[in-house]
C-alpha atoms as a PDB file:
ATOM      1  CA  MET A   1      20.450   2.624  -6.897  1.00  0.00           C
ATOM      2  CA  LEU A   2      17.050   3.928  -5.914  1.00  0.00           C
ATOM      3  CA  GLU A   3      14.380   5.417  -8.388  1.00  0.00           C
ATOM      4  CA  PHE A   4      10.997   6.781  -7.346  1.00  0.00           C
ATOM      5  CA  ILE A   5       8.082   6.087  -9.682  1.00  0.00           C
ATOM      6  CA  ASP A   6       5.500   8.774 -10.227  1.00  0.00           C
ATOM      7  CA  THR A   7       2.072   7.724  -8.929  1.00  0.00           C
ATOM      8  CA  THR A   8      -0.807   8.820  -6.721  1.00  0.00           C
ATOM      9  CA  ASP A   9       0.066  10.494  -3.417  1.00  0.00           C
ATOM     10  CA  GLU A  10      -1.105   7.494  -1.175  1.00  0.00           C
ATOM     11  CA  VAL A  11       1.222   5.199  -3.108  1.00  0.00           C
ATOM     12  CA  ILE A  12       4.878   4.833  -2.493  1.00  0.00           C
ATOM     13  CA  ALA A  13       6.503   3.401  -5.634  1.00  0.00           C
ATOM     14  CA  PHE A  14      10.153   2.750  -6.164  1.00  0.00           C
ATOM     15  CA  CYS A  15      12.597   0.579  -7.942  1.00  0.00           C
ATOM     16  CA  MET A  16      15.840  -0.555  -6.306  1.00  0.00           C
ATOM     17  CA  SER A  17      18.833  -2.124  -8.068  1.00  0.00           C
ATOM     18  CA  GLY A  18      22.326  -3.211  -7.336  1.00  0.00           C
ATOM     19  CA  LYS A  19      23.468  -2.522  -3.765  1.00  0.00           C
ATOM     20  CA  ILE A  20      20.891  -1.112  -1.370  1.00  0.00           C
ATOM     21  CA  GLU A  21      22.449   1.821   0.520  1.00  0.00           C
ATOM     22  CA  SER A  22      21.439   3.364   3.755  1.00  0.00           C
ATOM     23  CA  ALA A  23      20.735   6.597   1.928  1.00  0.00           C
ATOM     24  CA  ASP A  24      18.260   4.745  -0.149  1.00  0.00           C
ATOM     25  CA  LEU A  25      16.439   3.343   2.790  1.00  0.00           C
ATOM     26  CA  ASP A  26      16.251   6.816   4.368  1.00  0.00           C
ATOM     27  CA  ARG A  27      14.738   8.297   1.268  1.00  0.00           C
ATOM     28  CA  VAL A  28      11.971   5.480   1.217  1.00  0.00           C
ATOM     29  CA  MET A  29      11.287   6.066   4.999  1.00  0.00           C
ATOM     30  CA  ASP A  30      10.934   9.875   4.269  1.00  0.00           C
ATOM     31  CA  ARG A  31       8.524   9.269   1.577  1.00  0.00           C
ATOM     32  CA  LEU A  32       6.615   6.696   3.711  1.00  0.00           C
ATOM     33  CA  ASP A  33       6.472   9.089   6.695  1.00  0.00           C
ATOM     34  CA  ALA A  34       5.235  11.798   4.456  1.00  0.00           C
ATOM     35  CA  ALA A  35       2.460   9.651   2.971  1.00  0.00           C
ATOM     36  CA  MET A  36       1.362   8.446   6.335  1.00  0.00           C
ATOM     37  CA  ALA A  37       0.927  11.910   7.637  1.00  0.00           C
ATOM     38  CA  ALA A  38      -1.235  12.824   4.749  1.00  0.00           C
ATOM     39  CA  HIS A  39      -3.337   9.754   4.236  1.00  0.00           C
ATOM     40  CA  ASP A  40      -5.189   7.217   6.469  1.00  0.00           C
ATOM     41  CA  ARG A  41      -4.055   4.324   4.196  1.00  0.00           C
ATOM     42  CA  VAL A  42      -0.825   4.002   2.228  1.00  0.00           C
ATOM     43  CA  HIS A  43      -0.004   1.425  -0.551  1.00  0.00           C
ATOM     44  CA  VAL A  44       3.463   0.283  -1.587  1.00  0.00           C
ATOM     45  CA  PHE A  45       4.990  -0.796  -4.996  1.00  0.00           C
ATOM     46  CA  ALA A  46       8.483  -2.015  -4.599  1.00  0.00           C
ATOM     47  CA  GLU A  47      10.414  -3.297  -7.571  1.00  0.00           C
ATOM     48  CA  THR A  48      13.851  -4.873  -7.215  1.00  0.00           C
ATOM     49  CA  GLN A  49      16.366  -5.568 -10.074  1.00  0.00           C
ATOM     50  CA  GLY A  50      19.588  -7.469  -9.477  1.00  0.00           C
ATOM     51  CA  ILE A  51      19.979  -6.771  -5.767  1.00  0.00           C
ATOM     52  CA  ASP A  52      23.501  -7.802  -4.854  1.00  0.00           C
ATOM     53  CA  GLY A  53      23.839  -6.670  -1.358  1.00  0.00           C
ATOM     54  CA  ILE A  54      22.791  -4.126   1.391  1.00  0.00           C
ATOM     55  CA  GLU A  55      25.108  -1.632   3.089  1.00  0.00           C
ATOM     56  CA  LEU A  56      25.249  -2.559   6.704  1.00  0.00           C
ATOM     57  CA  HIS A  57      26.288   0.879   7.767  1.00  0.00           C
ATOM     58  CA  GLY A  58      23.180   2.862   8.691  1.00  0.00           C
ATOM     59  CA  LEU A  59      20.982  -0.302   8.913  1.00  0.00           C
ATOM     60  CA  GLY A  60      20.580   0.407  12.661  1.00  0.00           C
ATOM     61  CA  ASN A  61      19.072   3.737  11.960  1.00  0.00           C
ATOM     62  CA  TYR A  62      16.708   2.341   9.357  1.00  0.00           C
ATOM     63  CA  MET A  63      15.539  -0.318  11.911  1.00  0.00           C
ATOM     64  CA  SER A  64      14.832   2.371  14.551  1.00  0.00           C
ATOM     65  CA  ARG A  65      12.834   4.296  12.001  1.00  0.00           C
ATOM     66  CA  ALA A  66      10.890   1.148  10.834  1.00  0.00           C
ATOM     67  CA  MET A  67      10.227  -0.334  14.206  1.00  0.00           C
ATOM     68  CA  PRO A  68       7.411   2.340  14.973  1.00  0.00           C
ATOM     69  CA  LEU A  69       5.621   1.192  11.826  1.00  0.00           C
ATOM     70  CA  PHE A  70       4.518  -2.009  13.565  1.00  0.00           C
ATOM     71  CA  ALA A  71       2.035   0.002  15.517  1.00  0.00           C
ATOM     72  CA  LYS A  72       0.716   1.348  12.131  1.00  0.00           C
ATOM     73  CA  LEU A  73       0.434  -1.895  10.136  1.00  0.00           C
ATOM     74  CA  ASP A  74      -3.353  -1.416   9.886  1.00  0.00           C
ATOM     75  CA  ARG A  75      -2.696   1.557   7.780  1.00  0.00           C
ATOM     76  CA  PHE A  76      -1.000  -0.265   4.979  1.00  0.00           C
ATOM     77  CA  GLY A  77      -3.238  -1.257   2.139  1.00  0.00           C
ATOM     78  CA  ARG A  78      -2.067  -2.990  -1.058  1.00  0.00           C
ATOM     79  CA  VAL A  79       1.654  -3.992  -1.259  1.00  0.00           C
ATOM     80  CA  ALA A  80       3.161  -5.182  -4.533  1.00  0.00           C
ATOM     81  CA  VAL A  81       6.569  -6.649  -4.841  1.00  0.00           C
ATOM     82  CA  VAL A  82       8.161  -7.074  -8.398  1.00  0.00           C
ATOM     83  CA  ALA A  83      11.335  -9.057  -8.176  1.00  0.00           C
ATOM     84  CA  ASP A  84      13.567 -10.579 -10.827  1.00  0.00           C
ATOM     85  CA  GLN A  85      15.225 -12.741  -7.966  1.00  0.00           C
ATOM     86  CA  ALA A  86      13.485 -15.806  -6.566  1.00  0.00           C
ATOM     87  CA  TRP A  87      14.927 -15.136  -3.098  1.00  0.00           C
ATOM     88  CA  ILE A  88      13.247 -11.757  -2.915  1.00  0.00           C
ATOM     89  CA  ARG A  89       9.971 -13.077  -3.999  1.00  0.00           C
ATOM     90  CA  LEU A  90      10.365 -15.968  -1.531  1.00  0.00           C
ATOM     91  CA  GLY A  91      11.172 -13.425   1.274  1.00  0.00           C
ATOM     92  CA  THR A  92       8.063 -11.346   0.385  1.00  0.00           C
ATOM     93  CA  ARG A  93       5.743 -14.489   0.586  1.00  0.00           C
ATOM     94  CA  VAL A  94       7.096 -15.269   4.074  1.00  0.00           C
ATOM     95  CA  GLU A  95       6.594 -11.652   5.221  1.00  0.00           C
ATOM     96  CA  SER A  96       3.124 -11.768   3.843  1.00  0.00           C
ATOM     97  CA  ALA A  97       2.379 -14.872   5.764  1.00  0.00           C
ATOM     98  CA  VAL A  98       3.618 -13.188   8.988  1.00  0.00           C
ATOM     99  CA  LEU A  99       1.393 -10.065   8.220  1.00  0.00           C
ATOM    100  CA  PRO A 100      -1.719 -11.610   6.877  1.00  0.00           C
ATOM    101  CA  PHE A 101      -3.785  -8.576   7.355  1.00  0.00           C
ATOM    102  CA  ILE A 102      -1.823  -6.545   4.744  1.00  0.00           C
ATOM    103  CA  SER A 103      -2.712  -7.436   1.145  1.00  0.00           C
ATOM    104  CA  TYR A 104       0.606  -8.568  -0.440  1.00  0.00           C
ATOM    105  CA  LYS A 105       1.041  -9.671  -3.986  1.00  0.00           C
ATOM    106  CA  VAL A 106       4.254 -10.841  -5.494  1.00  0.00           C
ATOM    107  CA  PHE A 107       5.065 -10.434  -9.315  1.00  0.00           C
ATOM    108  CA  GLU A 108       7.694 -11.489 -11.681  1.00  0.00           C
ATOM    109  CA  PRO A 109       9.033  -8.552 -13.924  1.00  0.00           C
ATOM    110  CA  GLU A 110       6.774  -9.234 -16.912  1.00  0.00           C
ATOM    111  CA  ARG A 111       3.778  -8.460 -14.780  1.00  0.00           C
ATOM    112  CA  ARG A 112       5.029  -5.103 -13.593  1.00  0.00           C
ATOM    113  CA  ALA A 113       2.316  -3.037 -15.202  1.00  0.00           C
ATOM    114  CA  ALA A 114      -0.328  -5.272 -13.589  1.00  0.00           C
ATOM    115  CA  ALA A 115       1.258  -4.840 -10.199  1.00  0.00           C
ATOM    116  CA  LEU A 116       1.499  -1.140 -10.410  1.00  0.00           C
ATOM    117  CA  ALA A 117      -2.222  -0.900 -11.510  1.00  0.00           C
ATOM    118  CA  TRP A 118      -3.327  -3.178  -8.726  1.00  0.00           C
ATOM    119  CA  VAL A 119      -1.419  -1.080  -6.047  1.00  0.00           C
ATOM    120  CA  GLU A 120      -2.987   2.028  -7.464  1.00  0.00           C
ATOM    121  CA  GLY A 121      -6.438   0.596  -7.243  1.00  0.00           C
ATOM    122  CA  ARG A 122      -6.823   0.609 -11.187  1.00  0.00           C
ATOM    123  CA  GLY A 123      -7.158  -3.258 -11.562  1.00  0.00           C
ATOM    124  CA  GLU A 124      -7.165  -6.728 -10.341  1.00  0.00           C
ATOM    125  CA  ALA A 125      -3.985  -8.586 -10.360  1.00  0.00           C
ATOM    126  CA  GLY A 126      -4.190 -12.364 -10.044  1.00  0.00           C
END
């Protein structure tokens, strides 16, 4: 299930839970494309709760939409990932190491408010 979180225009904020479906990924990409068309820099808040799988059907379409983003990595600002599962937090830390010029921070659920404030530029998250 995917829910978008109300925030500023240059922030894409969402919460995913359960099984990630291809339609969810399409909706996130639609929001990201719109934000990038309107802003020079885009920030991302991604919260996950109890992810138990990803729908493989449609994953190729998502990858074809995501690949051009590698040419726009300099347009990503702050990225916060709030996850209740250690494997997602670990995966995010690996991604952060591969993309050191993007400001990633990983949070456990009890730090959700601080994570969102940091992504929105309203505070420091340590």
